[in-house]
Amino acid sequence: MPLDGTWRKSTRSSTNGACVEVRLWHGTVQIRDTKLGAASPILTVSPTTWSGFTTEITTDR
C-alpha cells in the first residue's frame, strides 16, 4: 500500500460499488465506503489491527 495517503480499492472489488477503500495515513490505516466517497465516515485502525483483519479474511478455513 502506498505511503502517500492515496485511497486504494482492492483489485478484487466488484463493479457494483459494494467495496471499501483503504489508505495509510499518519501511521494508521483508514477505511471508507466507496459508494459514499469523500462523504463516507472513516474507520481508523492501527496497522497491526488491519494486518490481523486481512490475514483472518484471506485465510482458507
N, C-alpha and C. Protein backbone atom coordinates (compact mmCIF):
# COMPACT_ATOMS: atom_id res chain seq x y z
N MET A 1 0.85 -1.18 0.00
CA MET A 1 0.00 0.00 0.00
C MET A 1 0.89 1.24 0.00
N PRO A 2 0.60 2.20 -0.85
CA PRO A 2 1.43 3.40 -0.90
C PRO A 2 1.39 4.18 0.40
N LEU A 3 2.44 4.89 0.67
CA LEU A 3 2.53 5.68 1.90
C LEU A 3 2.12 7.13 1.69
N ASP A 4 1.53 7.44 0.55
CA ASP A 4 1.24 8.84 0.25
C ASP A 4 -0.17 9.29 0.63
N GLY A 5 -0.95 8.46 1.26
CA GLY A 5 -2.29 8.84 1.67
C GLY A 5 -3.34 8.69 0.58
N THR A 6 -2.97 8.07 -0.54
CA THR A 6 -3.92 7.87 -1.63
C THR A 6 -4.88 6.73 -1.28
N TRP A 7 -6.15 6.96 -1.50
CA TRP A 7 -7.15 5.91 -1.28
C TRP A 7 -6.98 4.84 -2.36
N ARG A 8 -7.03 3.56 -1.93
CA ARG A 8 -6.86 2.43 -2.85
C ARG A 8 -8.01 1.46 -2.66
N LYS A 9 -8.49 0.92 -3.78
CA LYS A 9 -9.54 -0.09 -3.76
C LYS A 9 -8.92 -1.41 -4.22
N SER A 10 -9.33 -2.49 -3.63
CA SER A 10 -8.82 -3.80 -3.99
C SER A 10 -9.08 -4.11 -5.45
N THR A 11 -8.15 -4.78 -6.08
CA THR A 11 -8.34 -5.21 -7.46
C THR A 11 -9.39 -6.31 -7.53
N ARG A 12 -9.74 -6.89 -6.40
CA ARG A 12 -10.77 -7.93 -6.35
C ARG A 12 -12.16 -7.36 -6.09
N SER A 13 -12.27 -6.07 -5.96
CA SER A 13 -13.56 -5.43 -5.71
C SER A 13 -14.48 -5.61 -6.90
N SER A 14 -15.76 -5.72 -6.60
CA SER A 14 -16.74 -5.85 -7.68
C SER A 14 -17.04 -4.48 -8.28
N THR A 15 -17.73 -4.48 -9.38
CA THR A 15 -18.06 -3.23 -10.06
C THR A 15 -19.40 -2.67 -9.59
N ASN A 16 -20.06 -3.34 -8.63
CA ASN A 16 -21.37 -2.87 -8.17
C ASN A 16 -21.26 -1.81 -7.07
N GLY A 17 -20.06 -1.41 -6.73
CA GLY A 17 -19.88 -0.36 -5.73
C GLY A 17 -19.90 -0.84 -4.29
N ALA A 18 -20.03 -2.13 -4.08
CA ALA A 18 -20.08 -2.68 -2.73
C ALA A 18 -18.67 -3.05 -2.28
N CYS A 19 -17.85 -2.04 -2.02
CA CYS A 19 -16.47 -2.30 -1.60
C CYS A 19 -15.97 -1.16 -0.72
N VAL A 20 -14.79 -1.33 -0.25
CA VAL A 20 -14.18 -0.32 0.60
C VAL A 20 -12.86 0.14 -0.01
N GLU A 21 -12.40 1.28 0.45
CA GLU A 21 -11.08 1.80 0.08
C GLU A 21 -10.27 1.93 1.35
N VAL A 22 -8.97 1.80 1.21
CA VAL A 22 -8.07 1.96 2.36
C VAL A 22 -6.92 2.88 2.00
N ARG A 23 -6.33 3.48 3.03
CA ARG A 23 -5.12 4.27 2.82
C ARG A 23 -4.32 4.28 4.12
N LEU A 24 -3.02 4.47 3.96
CA LEU A 24 -2.16 4.72 5.13
C LEU A 24 -2.19 6.21 5.38
N TRP A 25 -2.37 6.58 6.64
CA TRP A 25 -2.49 7.99 6.97
C TRP A 25 -1.88 8.24 8.35
N HIS A 26 -0.73 8.88 8.38
CA HIS A 26 -0.06 9.26 9.62
C HIS A 26 0.07 8.10 10.61
N GLY A 27 0.55 6.98 10.12
CA GLY A 27 0.80 5.82 10.97
C GLY A 27 -0.42 4.99 11.29
N THR A 28 -1.55 5.26 10.62
CA THR A 28 -2.76 4.47 10.81
C THR A 28 -3.24 3.96 9.46
N VAL A 29 -4.20 3.06 9.50
CA VAL A 29 -4.88 2.61 8.29
C VAL A 29 -6.30 3.13 8.37
N GLN A 30 -6.74 3.80 7.32
CA GLN A 30 -8.10 4.33 7.29
C GLN A 30 -8.90 3.57 6.23
N ILE A 31 -10.17 3.32 6.56
CA ILE A 31 -11.06 2.55 5.70
C ILE A 31 -12.34 3.36 5.49
N ARG A 32 -12.84 3.40 4.23
CA ARG A 32 -14.10 4.08 3.96
C ARG A 32 -14.89 3.32 2.90
N ASP A 33 -16.18 3.63 2.81
CA ASP A 33 -17.10 3.03 1.86
C ASP A 33 -16.96 3.74 0.51
N THR A 34 -16.71 2.99 -0.55
CA THR A 34 -16.52 3.62 -1.85
C THR A 34 -17.79 4.27 -2.39
N LYS A 35 -18.95 3.73 -2.02
CA LYS A 35 -20.20 4.31 -2.52
C LYS A 35 -20.36 5.75 -2.07
N LEU A 36 -19.85 6.07 -0.88
CA LEU A 36 -20.02 7.41 -0.32
C LEU A 36 -18.84 8.32 -0.62
N GLY A 37 -17.73 7.74 -1.04
CA GLY A 37 -16.55 8.55 -1.37
C GLY A 37 -16.13 9.46 -0.24
N ALA A 38 -15.87 10.71 -0.55
CA ALA A 38 -15.38 11.67 0.44
C ALA A 38 -16.38 11.92 1.56
N ALA A 39 -17.66 11.63 1.34
CA ALA A 39 -18.68 11.82 2.37
C ALA A 39 -18.75 10.65 3.35
N SER A 40 -18.02 9.59 3.08
CA SER A 40 -18.07 8.39 3.92
C SER A 40 -17.42 8.64 5.28
N PRO A 41 -18.02 8.10 6.34
CA PRO A 41 -17.30 8.08 7.61
C PRO A 41 -16.03 7.26 7.43
N ILE A 42 -15.01 7.57 8.19
CA ILE A 42 -13.72 6.87 8.07
C ILE A 42 -13.45 6.10 9.36
N LEU A 43 -13.18 4.82 9.20
CA LEU A 43 -12.76 3.96 10.30
C LEU A 43 -11.25 3.97 10.33
N THR A 44 -10.66 4.28 11.47
CA THR A 44 -9.20 4.33 11.59
C THR A 44 -8.74 3.24 12.56
N VAL A 45 -7.78 2.43 12.10
CA VAL A 45 -7.24 1.34 12.92
C VAL A 45 -5.72 1.35 12.83
N SER A 46 -5.09 0.62 13.72
CA SER A 46 -3.63 0.50 13.69
C SER A 46 -3.23 -0.45 12.56
N PRO A 47 -2.01 -0.30 12.06
CA PRO A 47 -1.53 -1.26 11.05
C PRO A 47 -1.58 -2.71 11.54
N THR A 48 -1.34 -2.94 12.82
CA THR A 48 -1.40 -4.29 13.37
C THR A 48 -2.81 -4.84 13.30
N THR A 49 -3.79 -4.03 13.64
CA THR A 49 -5.19 -4.45 13.56
C THR A 49 -5.58 -4.75 12.12
N TRP A 50 -5.19 -3.89 11.19
CA TRP A 50 -5.51 -4.10 9.77
C TRP A 50 -4.87 -5.39 9.27
N SER A 51 -3.62 -5.61 9.62
CA SER A 51 -2.92 -6.82 9.21
C SER A 51 -3.63 -8.07 9.74
N GLY A 52 -4.03 -8.03 11.00
CA GLY A 52 -4.76 -9.16 11.58
C GLY A 52 -6.07 -9.41 10.88
N PHE A 53 -6.79 -8.34 10.55
CA PHE A 53 -8.06 -8.45 9.84
C PHE A 53 -7.86 -9.07 8.46
N THR A 54 -6.92 -8.54 7.69
CA THR A 54 -6.73 -9.05 6.33
C THR A 54 -6.22 -10.49 6.34
N THR A 55 -5.42 -10.84 7.33
CA THR A 55 -4.97 -12.22 7.46
C THR A 55 -6.15 -13.13 7.75
N GLU A 56 -7.01 -12.70 8.65
CA GLU A 56 -8.17 -13.50 9.03
C GLU A 56 -9.13 -13.73 7.85
N ILE A 57 -9.38 -12.71 7.06
CA ILE A 57 -10.35 -12.87 5.97
C ILE A 57 -9.77 -13.57 4.74
N THR A 58 -8.46 -13.67 4.65
CA THR A 58 -7.87 -14.34 3.49
C THR A 58 -7.36 -15.74 3.79
N THR A 59 -7.46 -16.16 5.04
CA THR A 59 -7.00 -17.49 5.43
C THR A 59 -8.05 -18.52 5.07
N ASP A 60 -7.66 -19.54 4.32
CA ASP A 60 -8.59 -20.63 3.99
C ASP A 60 -8.93 -21.39 5.25
N ARG A 61 -10.15 -21.76 5.35
CA ARG A 61 -10.62 -22.49 6.54
C ARG A 61 -10.94 -23.91 6.17
